[in-house]
Amino acid sequence: MTDTVKNYTDTQTAELIAEYATKDTNNKTFNEKFAEKFGKSTRSIVAKLSKEGVYKVEQRKTKTGEKVITKAELVAQINTKLGGDFESLAKATKQDLQALVSAL
């Protein structure tokens, strides 16, 4: 049986998980800090945190800081408000869908 080479020591893994649980910065800043500290890539840090089951993806936001809403979500809101199933609305522009939701 062959031994596998670990990319992270148990100490590094424990430190990474403990720091991630108490982080006060965004994921990008955190990942860059530990990538430099451990001599790894930021993708490696994300992969390790994901493998350990602690990584949380940050919600995407618009330039104004609002949550990103997809066209599918807007169509679902319209369908709910009108009590129908209007699948072809997905072909409309996002601006038109937003205006329609606001008008309802």
PDB file of N, CA and C in Angstrom:
ATOM      1  N   MET A   1       0.843  -1.174   0.000  1.00  0.00           N
ATOM      2  CA  MET A   1       0.000   0.000   0.000  1.00  0.00           C
ATOM      3  C   MET A   1       0.890   1.240   0.000  1.00  0.00           C
ATOM      4  N   THR A   2       0.566   2.208  -0.816  1.00  0.00           N
ATOM      5  CA  THR A   2       1.376   3.417  -0.907  1.00  0.00           C
ATOM      6  C   THR A   2       0.791   4.507  -0.036  1.00  0.00           C
ATOM      7  N   ASP A   3       1.672   5.337   0.490  1.00  0.00           N
ATOM      8  CA  ASP A   3       1.243   6.480   1.296  1.00  0.00           C
ATOM      9  C   ASP A   3       0.960   7.649   0.371  1.00  0.00           C
ATOM     10  N   THR A   4      -0.109   8.375   0.669  1.00  0.00           N
ATOM     11  CA  THR A   4      -0.420   9.552  -0.124  1.00  0.00           C
ATOM     12  C   THR A   4       0.232  10.772   0.512  1.00  0.00           C
ATOM     13  N   VAL A   5       0.597  11.707  -0.323  1.00  0.00           N
ATOM     14  CA  VAL A   5       1.224  12.931   0.145  1.00  0.00           C
ATOM     15  C   VAL A   5       0.123  13.938   0.448  1.00  0.00           C
ATOM     16  N   LYS A   6       0.176  14.512   1.643  1.00  0.00           N
ATOM     17  CA  LYS A   6      -0.816  15.509   2.031  1.00  0.00           C
ATOM     18  C   LYS A   6      -0.344  16.889   1.584  1.00  0.00           C
ATOM     19  N   ASN A   7      -1.270  17.672   1.032  1.00  0.00           N
ATOM     20  CA  ASN A   7      -0.942  19.040   0.651  1.00  0.00           C
ATOM     21  C   ASN A   7      -0.951  19.971   1.852  1.00  0.00           C
ATOM     22  N   TYR A   8      -1.725  19.623   2.855  1.00  0.00           N
ATOM     23  CA  TYR A   8      -1.848  20.434   4.068  1.00  0.00           C
ATOM     24  C   TYR A   8      -1.572  19.556   5.277  1.00  0.00           C
ATOM     25  N   THR A   9      -0.803  20.084   6.210  1.00  0.00           N
ATOM     26  CA  THR A   9      -0.581  19.349   7.452  1.00  0.00           C
ATOM     27  C   THR A   9      -1.843  19.448   8.297  1.00  0.00           C
ATOM     28  N   ASP A  10      -1.928  18.612   9.313  1.00  0.00           N
ATOM     29  CA  ASP A  10      -3.080  18.662  10.212  1.00  0.00           C
ATOM     30  C   ASP A  10      -3.129  20.006  10.932  1.00  0.00           C
ATOM     31  N   THR A  11      -1.977  20.561  11.248  1.00  0.00           N
ATOM     32  CA  THR A  11      -1.910  21.867  11.912  1.00  0.00           C
ATOM     33  C   THR A  11      -2.421  22.966  10.994  1.00  0.00           C
ATOM     34  N   GLN A  12      -1.999  22.938   9.726  1.00  0.00           N
ATOM     35  CA  GLN A  12      -2.465  23.944   8.765  1.00  0.00           C
ATOM     36  C   GLN A  12      -3.980  23.844   8.573  1.00  0.00           C
ATOM     37  N   THR A  13      -4.483  22.621   8.473  1.00  0.00           N
ATOM     38  CA  THR A  13      -5.915  22.419   8.289  1.00  0.00           C
ATOM     39  C   THR A  13      -6.688  22.959   9.482  1.00  0.00           C
ATOM     40  N   ALA A  14      -6.237  22.648  10.682  1.00  0.00           N
ATOM     41  CA  ALA A  14      -6.916  23.113  11.890  1.00  0.00           C
ATOM     42  C   ALA A  14      -6.891  24.636  11.969  1.00  0.00           C
ATOM     43  N   GLU A  15      -5.745  25.245  11.642  1.00  0.00           N
ATOM     44  CA  GLU A  15      -5.631  26.708  11.667  1.00  0.00           C
ATOM     45  C   GLU A  15      -6.550  27.349  10.630  1.00  0.00           C
ATOM     46  N   LEU A  16      -6.582  26.779   9.454  1.00  0.00           N
ATOM     47  CA  LEU A  16      -7.411  27.304   8.378  1.00  0.00           C
ATOM     48  C   LEU A  16      -8.891  27.265   8.753  1.00  0.00           C
ATOM     49  N   ILE A  17      -9.343  26.154   9.297  1.00  0.00           N
ATOM     50  CA  ILE A  17     -10.747  26.011   9.680  1.00  0.00           C
ATOM     51  C   ILE A  17     -11.097  26.938  10.837  1.00  0.00           C
ATOM     52  N   ALA A  18     -10.224  27.020  11.833  1.00  0.00           N
ATOM     53  CA  ALA A  18     -10.483  27.883  12.990  1.00  0.00           C
ATOM     54  C   ALA A  18     -10.550  29.347  12.574  1.00  0.00           C
ATOM     55  N   GLU A  19      -9.634  29.778  11.719  1.00  0.00           N
ATOM     56  CA  GLU A  19      -9.621  31.167  11.268  1.00  0.00           C
ATOM     57  C   GLU A  19     -10.822  31.468  10.374  1.00  0.00           C
ATOM     58  N   TYR A  20     -11.198  30.509   9.553  1.00  0.00           N
ATOM     59  CA  TYR A  20     -12.332  30.733   8.651  1.00  0.00           C
ATOM     60  C   TYR A  20     -13.630  30.907   9.440  1.00  0.00           C
ATOM     61  N   ALA A  21     -13.752  30.166  10.531  1.00  0.00           N
ATOM     62  CA  ALA A  21     -14.960  30.255  11.360  1.00  0.00           C
ATOM     63  C   ALA A  21     -15.093  31.622  12.020  1.00  0.00           C
ATOM     64  N   THR A  22     -13.972  32.306  12.239  1.00  0.00           N
ATOM     65  CA  THR A  22     -14.016  33.605  12.921  1.00  0.00           C
ATOM     66  C   THR A  22     -13.625  34.758  12.000  1.00  0.00           C
ATOM     67  N   LYS A  23     -13.608  34.517  10.693  1.00  0.00           N
ATOM     68  CA  LYS A  23     -13.138  35.551   9.765  1.00  0.00           C
ATOM     69  C   LYS A  23     -14.062  36.768   9.782  1.00  0.00           C
ATOM     70  N   ASP A  24     -13.445  37.935   9.617  1.00  0.00           N
ATOM     71  CA  ASP A  24     -14.223  39.174   9.572  1.00  0.00           C
ATOM     72  C   ASP A  24     -14.010  39.914   8.256  1.00  0.00           C
ATOM     73  N   THR A  25     -13.444  39.220   7.274  1.00  0.00           N
ATOM     74  CA  THR A  25     -13.230  39.805   5.952  1.00  0.00           C
ATOM     75  C   THR A  25     -13.974  38.961   4.924  1.00  0.00           C
ATOM     76  N   ASN A  26     -13.953  39.415   3.686  1.00  0.00           N
ATOM     77  CA  ASN A  26     -14.602  38.626   2.643  1.00  0.00           C
ATOM     78  C   ASN A  26     -13.739  37.423   2.264  1.00  0.00           C
ATOM     79  N   ASN A  27     -14.325  36.506   1.511  1.00  0.00           N
ATOM     80  CA  ASN A  27     -13.615  35.284   1.137  1.00  0.00           C
ATOM     81  C   ASN A  27     -12.347  35.562   0.356  1.00  0.00           C
ATOM     82  N   LYS A  28     -12.390  36.525  -0.558  1.00  0.00           N
ATOM     83  CA  LYS A  28     -11.233  36.803  -1.409  1.00  0.00           C
ATOM     84  C   LYS A  28     -10.022  37.225  -0.573  1.00  0.00           C
ATOM     85  N   THR A  29     -10.242  38.147   0.349  1.00  0.00           N
ATOM     86  CA  THR A  29      -9.146  38.618   1.213  1.00  0.00           C
ATOM     87  C   THR A  29      -8.617  37.483   2.079  1.00  0.00           C
ATOM     88  N   PHE A  30      -9.521  36.708   2.651  1.00  0.00           N
ATOM     89  CA  PHE A  30      -9.134  35.577   3.497  1.00  0.00           C
ATOM     90  C   PHE A  30      -8.309  34.570   2.700  1.00  0.00           C
ATOM     91  N   ASN A  31      -8.802  34.210   1.520  1.00  0.00           N
ATOM     92  CA  ASN A  31      -8.109  33.214   0.691  1.00  0.00           C
ATOM     93  C   ASN A  31      -6.720  33.684   0.285  1.00  0.00           C
ATOM     94  N   GLU A  32      -6.594  34.954  -0.083  1.00  0.00           N
ATOM     95  CA  GLU A  32      -5.290  35.496  -0.471  1.00  0.00           C
ATOM     96  C   GLU A  32      -4.307  35.466   0.701  1.00  0.00           C
ATOM     97  N   LYS A  33      -4.789  35.803   1.885  1.00  0.00           N
ATOM     98  CA  LYS A  33      -3.941  35.820   3.085  1.00  0.00           C
ATOM     99  C   LYS A  33      -3.360  34.425   3.350  1.00  0.00           C
ATOM    100  N   PHE A  34      -4.216  33.410   3.341  1.00  0.00           N
ATOM    101  CA  PHE A  34      -3.733  32.063   3.650  1.00  0.00           C
ATOM    102  C   PHE A  34      -2.989  31.422   2.484  1.00  0.00           C
ATOM    103  N   ALA A  35      -3.300  31.801   1.270  1.00  0.00           N
ATOM    104  CA  ALA A  35      -2.549  31.289   0.129  1.00  0.00           C
ATOM    105  C   ALA A  35      -1.096  31.737   0.236  1.00  0.00           C
ATOM    106  N   GLU A  36      -0.909  32.994   0.603  1.00  0.00           N
ATOM    107  CA  GLU A  36       0.453  33.515   0.765  1.00  0.00           C
ATOM    108  C   GLU A  36       1.131  32.867   1.972  1.00  0.00           C
ATOM    109  N   LYS A  37       0.401  32.722   3.059  1.00  0.00           N
ATOM    110  CA  LYS A  37       0.969  32.162   4.292  1.00  0.00           C
ATOM    111  C   LYS A  37       1.415  30.709   4.102  1.00  0.00           C
ATOM    112  N   PHE A  38       0.605  29.908   3.400  1.00  0.00           N
ATOM    113  CA  PHE A  38       0.911  28.487   3.229  1.00  0.00           C
ATOM    114  C   PHE A  38       1.646  28.181   1.934  1.00  0.00           C
ATOM    115  N   GLY A  39       1.841  29.189   1.080  1.00  0.00           N
ATOM    116  CA  GLY A  39       2.509  28.962  -0.189  1.00  0.00           C
ATOM    117  C   GLY A  39       1.654  28.151  -1.155  1.00  0.00           C
ATOM    118  N   LYS A  40       0.353  28.388  -1.134  1.00  0.00           N
ATOM    119  CA  LYS A  40      -0.602  27.683  -1.992  1.00  0.00           C
ATOM    120  C   LYS A  40      -1.322  28.693  -2.876  1.00  0.00           C
ATOM    121  N   SER A  41      -2.135  28.197  -3.798  1.00  0.00           N
ATOM    122  CA  SER A  41      -2.956  29.085  -4.619  1.00  0.00           C
ATOM    123  C   SER A  41      -4.271  29.358  -3.880  1.00  0.00           C
ATOM    124  N   THR A  42      -4.948  30.427  -4.278  1.00  0.00           N
ATOM    125  CA  THR A  42      -6.233  30.734  -3.640  1.00  0.00           C
ATOM    126  C   THR A  42      -7.239  29.632  -3.946  1.00  0.00           C
ATOM    127  N   ARG A  43      -7.174  29.060  -5.135  1.00  0.00           N
ATOM    128  CA  ARG A  43      -8.080  27.955  -5.488  1.00  0.00           C
ATOM    129  C   ARG A  43      -7.843  26.740  -4.590  1.00  0.00           C
ATOM    130  N   SER A  44      -6.595  26.528  -4.193  1.00  0.00           N
ATOM    131  CA  SER A  44      -6.279  25.426  -3.301  1.00  0.00           C
ATOM    132  C   SER A  44      -6.899  25.658  -1.923  1.00  0.00           C
ATOM    133  N   ILE A  45      -6.876  26.898  -1.471  1.00  0.00           N
ATOM    134  CA  ILE A  45      -7.478  27.240  -0.175  1.00  0.00           C
ATOM    135  C   ILE A  45      -8.982  26.993  -0.230  1.00  0.00           C
ATOM    136  N   VAL A  46      -9.622  27.443  -1.304  1.00  0.00           N
ATOM    137  CA  VAL A  46     -11.066  27.238  -1.471  1.00  0.00           C
ATOM    138  C   VAL A  46     -11.383  25.745  -1.511  1.00  0.00           C
ATOM    139  N   ALA A  47     -10.596  24.990  -2.252  1.00  0.00           N
ATOM    140  CA  ALA A  47     -10.820  23.547  -2.370  1.00  0.00           C
ATOM    141  C   ALA A  47     -10.686  22.857  -1.014  1.00  0.00           C
ATOM    142  N   LYS A  48      -9.699  23.254  -0.232  1.00  0.00           N
ATOM    143  CA  LYS A  48      -9.494  22.641   1.083  1.00  0.00           C
ATOM    144  C   LYS A  48     -10.655  22.958   2.009  1.00  0.00           C
ATOM    145  N   LEU A  49     -11.084  24.223   2.030  1.00  0.00           N
ATOM    146  CA  LEU A  49     -12.208  24.603   2.874  1.00  0.00           C
ATOM    147  C   LEU A  49     -13.482  23.884   2.428  1.00  0.00           C
ATOM    148  N   SER A  50     -13.657  23.716   1.132  1.00  0.00           N
ATOM    149  CA  SER A  50     -14.821  22.999   0.609  1.00  0.00           C
ATOM    150  C   SER A  50     -14.777  21.529   1.011  1.00  0.00           C
ATOM    151  N   LYS A  51     -13.609  20.930   0.881  1.00  0.00           N
ATOM    152  CA  LYS A  51     -13.455  19.527   1.248  1.00  0.00           C
ATOM    153  C   LYS A  51     -13.755  19.309   2.723  1.00  0.00           C
ATOM    154  N   GLU A  52     -13.377  20.282   3.544  1.00  0.00           N
ATOM    155  CA  GLU A  52     -13.627  20.183   4.983  1.00  0.00           C
ATOM    156  C   GLU A  52     -15.075  20.521   5.343  1.00  0.00           C
ATOM    157  N   GLY A  53     -15.838  21.007   4.370  1.00  0.00           N
ATOM    158  CA  GLY A  53     -17.251  21.279   4.580  1.00  0.00           C
ATOM    159  C   GLY A  53     -17.564  22.586   5.291  1.00  0.00           C
ATOM    160  N   VAL A  54     -16.630  23.544   5.267  1.00  0.00           N
ATOM    161  CA  VAL A  54     -16.867  24.810   5.968  1.00  0.00           C
ATOM    162  C   VAL A  54     -16.980  26.012   5.040  1.00  0.00           C
ATOM    163  N   TYR A  55     -16.629  25.865   3.777  1.00  0.00           N
ATOM    164  CA  TYR A  55     -16.621  27.004   2.860  1.00  0.00           C
ATOM    165  C   TYR A  55     -18.037  27.436   2.522  1.00  0.00           C
ATOM    166  N   LYS A  56     -18.301  28.732   2.600  1.00  0.00           N
ATOM    167  CA  LYS A  56     -19.596  29.289   2.247  1.00  0.00           C
ATOM    168  C   LYS A  56     -19.395  30.294   1.126  1.00  0.00           C
ATOM    169  N   VAL A  57     -20.123  30.116   0.051  1.00  0.00           N
ATOM    170  CA  VAL A  57     -20.033  31.013  -1.094  1.00  0.00           C
ATOM    171  C   VAL A  57     -20.742  32.321  -0.730  1.00  0.00           C
ATOM    172  N   GLU A  58     -20.091  33.436  -0.996  1.00  0.00           N
ATOM    173  CA  GLU A  58     -20.711  34.722  -0.734  1.00  0.00           C
ATOM    174  C   GLU A  58     -21.749  35.018  -1.803  1.00  0.00           C
ATOM    175  N   GLN A  59     -22.851  35.612  -1.395  1.00  0.00           N
ATOM    176  CA  GLN A  59     -23.899  35.971  -2.329  1.00  0.00           C
ATOM    177  C   GLN A  59     -23.405  37.069  -3.257  1.00  0.00           C
ATOM    178  N   ARG A  60     -23.713  36.917  -4.536  1.00  0.00           N
ATOM    179  CA  ARG A  60     -23.352  37.959  -5.497  1.00  0.00           C
ATOM    180  C   ARG A  60     -24.239  39.169  -5.264  1.00  0.00           C
ATOM    181  N   LYS A  61     -23.692  40.343  -5.495  1.00  0.00           N
ATOM    182  CA  LYS A  61     -24.437  41.580  -5.315  1.00  0.00           C
ATOM    183  C   LYS A  61     -24.281  42.457  -6.551  1.00  0.00           C
ATOM    184  N   THR A  62     -25.281  43.309  -6.762  1.00  0.00           N
ATOM    185  CA  THR A  62     -25.212  44.255  -7.871  1.00  0.00           C
ATOM    186  C   THR A  62     -24.296  45.406  -7.482  1.00  0.00           C
ATOM    187  N   LYS A  63     -24.084  46.329  -8.398  1.00  0.00           N
ATOM    188  CA  LYS A  63     -23.244  47.488  -8.104  1.00  0.00           C
ATOM    189  C   LYS A  63     -23.818  48.332  -6.976  1.00  0.00           C
ATOM    190  N   THR A  64     -25.144  48.280  -6.808  1.00  0.00           N
ATOM    191  CA  THR A  64     -25.781  49.062  -5.753  1.00  0.00           C
ATOM    192  C   THR A  64     -25.815  48.310  -4.427  1.00  0.00           C
ATOM    193  N   GLY A  65     -25.311  47.080  -4.410  1.00  0.00           N
ATOM    194  CA  GLY A  65     -25.243  46.307  -3.178  1.00  0.00           C
ATOM    195  C   GLY A  65     -26.437  45.402  -2.940  1.00  0.00           C
ATOM    196  N   GLU A  66     -27.356  45.347  -3.887  1.00  0.00           N
ATOM    197  CA  GLU A  66     -28.532  44.491  -3.748  1.00  0.00           C
ATOM    198  C   GLU A  66     -28.215  43.080  -4.217  1.00  0.00           C
ATOM    199  N   LYS A  67     -29.018  42.127  -3.748  1.00  0.00           N
ATOM    200  CA  LYS A  67     -28.866  40.739  -4.167  1.00  0.00           C
ATOM    201  C   LYS A  67     -29.191  40.616  -5.656  1.00  0.00           C
ATOM    202  N   VAL A  68     -28.437  39.812  -6.370  1.00  0.00           N
ATOM    203  CA  VAL A  68     -28.681  39.583  -7.797  1.00  0.00           C
ATOM    204  C   VAL A  68     -29.935  38.722  -7.940  1.00  0.00           C
ATOM    205  N   ILE A  69     -30.864  39.179  -8.776  1.00  0.00           N
ATOM    206  CA  ILE A  69     -32.089  38.432  -9.042  1.00  0.00           C
ATOM    207  C   ILE A  69     -32.052  37.987 -10.499  1.00  0.00           C
ATOM    208  N   THR A  70     -32.256  36.701 -10.714  1.00  0.00           N
ATOM    209  CA  THR A  70     -32.218  36.169 -12.076  1.00  0.00           C
ATOM    210  C   THR A  70     -33.564  36.374 -12.764  1.00  0.00           C
ATOM    211  N   LYS A  71     -33.542  36.265 -14.078  1.00  0.00           N
ATOM    212  CA  LYS A  71     -34.781  36.378 -14.847  1.00  0.00           C
ATOM    213  C   LYS A  71     -35.752  35.273 -14.437  1.00  0.00           C
ATOM    214  N   ALA A  72     -35.244  34.092 -14.163  1.00  0.00           N
ATOM    215  CA  ALA A  72     -36.103  32.976 -13.760  1.00  0.00           C
ATOM    216  C   ALA A  72     -36.828  33.291 -12.450  1.00  0.00           C
ATOM    217  N   GLU A  73     -36.128  33.948 -11.529  1.00  0.00           N
ATOM    218  CA  GLU A  73     -36.760  34.333 -10.258  1.00  0.00           C
ATOM    219  C   GLU A  73     -37.836  35.382 -10.489  1.00  0.00           C
ATOM    220  N   LEU A  74     -37.574  36.323 -11.389  1.00  0.00           N
ATOM    221  CA  LEU A  74     -38.580  37.344 -11.703  1.00  0.00           C
ATOM    222  C   LEU A  74     -39.820  36.715 -12.340  1.00  0.00           C
ATOM    223  N   VAL A  75     -39.610  35.780 -13.274  1.00  0.00           N
ATOM    224  CA  VAL A  75     -40.735  35.099 -13.906  1.00  0.00           C
ATOM    225  C   VAL A  75     -41.528  34.314 -12.856  1.00  0.00           C
ATOM    226  N   ALA A  76     -40.840  33.677 -11.924  1.00  0.00           N
ATOM    227  CA  ALA A  76     -41.527  32.929 -10.865  1.00  0.00           C
ATOM    228  C   ALA A  76     -42.379  33.863 -10.006  1.00  0.00           C
ATOM    229  N   GLN A  77     -41.852  35.060  -9.696  1.00  0.00           N
ATOM    230  CA  GLN A  77     -42.619  36.041  -8.922  1.00  0.00           C
ATOM    231  C   GLN A  77     -43.874  36.454  -9.688  1.00  0.00           C
ATOM    232  N   ILE A  78     -43.738  36.693 -10.986  1.00  0.00           N
ATOM    233  CA  ILE A  78     -44.883  37.098 -11.825  1.00  0.00           C
ATOM    234  C   ILE A  78     -45.912  35.971 -11.877  1.00  0.00           C
ATOM    235  N   ASN A  79     -45.434  34.744 -12.083  1.00  0.00           N
ATOM    236  CA  ASN A  79     -46.337  33.595 -12.129  1.00  0.00           C
ATOM    237  C   ASN A  79     -47.120  33.456 -10.828  1.00  0.00           C
ATOM    238  N   THR A  80     -46.447  33.669  -9.704  1.00  0.00           N
ATOM    239  CA  THR A  80     -47.103  33.564  -8.400  1.00  0.00           C
ATOM    240  C   THR A  80     -48.154  34.652  -8.236  1.00  0.00           C
ATOM    241  N   LYS A  81     -47.800  35.881  -8.587  1.00  0.00           N
ATOM    242  CA  LYS A  81     -48.727  37.005  -8.408  1.00  0.00           C
ATOM    243  C   LYS A  81     -49.937  36.906  -9.328  1.00  0.00           C
ATOM    244  N   LEU A  82     -49.733  36.377 -10.535  1.00  0.00           N
ATOM    245  CA  LEU A  82     -50.830  36.281 -11.491  1.00  0.00           C
ATOM    246  C   LEU A  82     -51.546  34.933 -11.444  1.00  0.00           C
ATOM    247  N   GLY A  83     -50.961  33.982 -10.736  1.00  0.00           N
ATOM    248  CA  GLY A  83     -51.586  32.671 -10.622  1.00  0.00           C
ATOM    249  C   GLY A  83     -51.585  31.888 -11.914  1.00  0.00           C
ATOM    250  N   GLY A  84     -50.598  32.070 -12.725  1.00  0.00           N
ATOM    251  CA  GLY A  84     -50.513  31.370 -14.003  1.00  0.00           C
ATOM    252  C   GLY A  84     -49.129  30.805 -14.235  1.00  0.00           C
ATOM    253  N   ASP A  85     -48.924  30.314 -15.447  1.00  0.00           N
ATOM    254  CA  ASP A  85     -47.622  29.776 -15.824  1.00  0.00           C
ATOM    255  C   ASP A  85     -47.244  30.378 -17.176  1.00  0.00           C
ATOM    256  N   PHE A  86     -46.495  31.459 -17.136  1.00  0.00           N
ATOM    257  CA  PHE A  86     -46.144  32.212 -18.332  1.00  0.00           C
ATOM    258  C   PHE A  86     -44.665  32.001 -18.662  1.00  0.00           C
ATOM    259  N   GLU A  87     -44.361  30.828 -19.202  1.00  0.00           N
ATOM    260  CA  GLU A  87     -42.975  30.438 -19.479  1.00  0.00           C
ATOM    261  C   GLU A  87     -42.298  31.352 -20.489  1.00  0.00           C
ATOM    262  N   SER A  88     -43.045  31.861 -21.452  1.00  0.00           N
ATOM    263  CA  SER A  88     -42.430  32.668 -22.505  1.00  0.00           C
ATOM    264  C   SER A  88     -41.936  34.016 -21.980  1.00  0.00           C
ATOM    265  N   LEU A  89     -42.325  34.394 -20.771  1.00  0.00           N
ATOM    266  CA  LEU A  89     -41.825  35.643 -20.200  1.00  0.00           C
ATOM    267  C   LEU A  89     -40.311  35.615 -20.012  1.00  0.00           C
ATOM    268  N   ALA A  90     -39.752  34.442 -19.908  1.00  0.00           N
ATOM    269  CA  ALA A  90     -38.307  34.310 -19.729  1.00  0.00           C
ATOM    270  C   ALA A  90     -37.536  34.888 -20.905  1.00  0.00           C
ATOM    271  N   LYS A  91     -38.217  35.064 -22.039  1.00  0.00           N
ATOM    272  CA  LYS A  91     -37.560  35.626 -23.224  1.00  0.00           C
ATOM    273  C   LYS A  91     -37.535  37.152 -23.188  1.00  0.00           C
ATOM    274  N   ALA A  92     -38.293  37.758 -22.273  1.00  0.00           N
ATOM    275  CA  ALA A  92     -38.319  39.218 -22.150  1.00  0.00           C
ATOM    276  C   ALA A  92     -37.013  39.706 -21.533  1.00  0.00           C
ATOM    277  N   THR A  93     -36.744  40.995 -21.654  1.00  0.00           N
ATOM    278  CA  THR A  93     -35.528  41.546 -21.045  1.00  0.00           C
ATOM    279  C   THR A  93     -35.717  41.623 -19.540  1.00  0.00           C
ATOM    280  N   LYS A  94     -34.618  41.621 -18.848  1.00  0.00           N
ATOM    281  CA  LYS A  94     -34.663  41.673 -17.390  1.00  0.00           C
ATOM    282  C   LYS A  94     -35.306  42.981 -16.918  1.00  0.00           C
ATOM    283  N   GLN A  95     -35.023  44.083 -17.596  1.00  0.00           N
ATOM    284  CA  GLN A  95     -35.589  45.370 -17.226  1.00  0.00           C
ATOM    285  C   GLN A  95     -37.114  45.340 -17.348  1.00  0.00           C
ATOM    286  N   ASP A  96     -37.624  44.734 -18.412  1.00  0.00           N
ATOM    287  CA  ASP A  96     -39.067  44.626 -18.590  1.00  0.00           C
ATOM    288  C   ASP A  96     -39.690  43.759 -17.506  1.00  0.00           C
ATOM    289  N   LEU A  97     -39.029  42.682 -17.163  1.00  0.00           N
ATOM    290  CA  LEU A  97     -39.549  41.796 -16.111  1.00  0.00           C
ATOM    291  C   LEU A  97     -39.578  42.525 -14.768  1.00  0.00           C
ATOM    292  N   GLN A  98     -38.519  43.285 -14.468  1.00  0.00           N
ATOM    293  CA  GLN A  98     -38.491  44.048 -13.219  1.00  0.00           C
ATOM    294  C   GLN A  98     -39.609  45.080 -13.174  1.00  0.00           C
ATOM    295  N   ALA A  99     -39.854  45.737 -14.306  1.00  0.00           N
ATOM    296  CA  ALA A  99     -40.936  46.723 -14.377  1.00  0.00           C
ATOM    297  C   ALA A  99     -42.286  46.054 -14.171  1.00  0.00           C
ATOM    298  N   LEU A 100     -42.462  44.884 -14.744  1.00  0.00           N
ATOM    299  CA  LEU A 100     -43.713  44.140 -14.591  1.00  0.00           C
ATOM    300  C   LEU A 100     -43.939  43.726 -13.149  1.00  0.00           C
ATOM    301  N   VAL A 101     -42.903  43.240 -12.493  1.00  0.00           N
ATOM    302  CA  VAL A 101     -43.023  42.851 -11.066  1.00  0.00           C
ATOM    303  C   VAL A 101     -43.385  44.077 -10.235  1.00  0.00           C
ATOM    304  N   SER A 102     -42.756  45.194 -10.520  1.00  0.00           N
ATOM    305  CA  SER A 102     -43.050  46.418  -9.775  1.00  0.00           C
ATOM    306  C   SER A 102     -44.496  46.886 -10.010  1.00  0.00           C
ATOM    307  N   ALA A 103     -44.986  46.719 -11.236  1.00  0.00           N
ATOM    308  CA  ALA A 103     -46.341  47.143 -11.569  1.00  0.00           C
ATOM    309  C   ALA A 103     -47.394  46.259 -10.902  1.00  0.00           C
ATOM    310  N   LEU A 104     -47.024  45.028 -10.628  1.00  0.00           N
ATOM    311  CA  LEU A 104     -47.980  44.104  -9.985  1.00  0.00           C
ATOM    312  C   LEU A 104     -48.007  44.407  -8.513  1.00  0.00           C
TER     313      LEU A 104
END
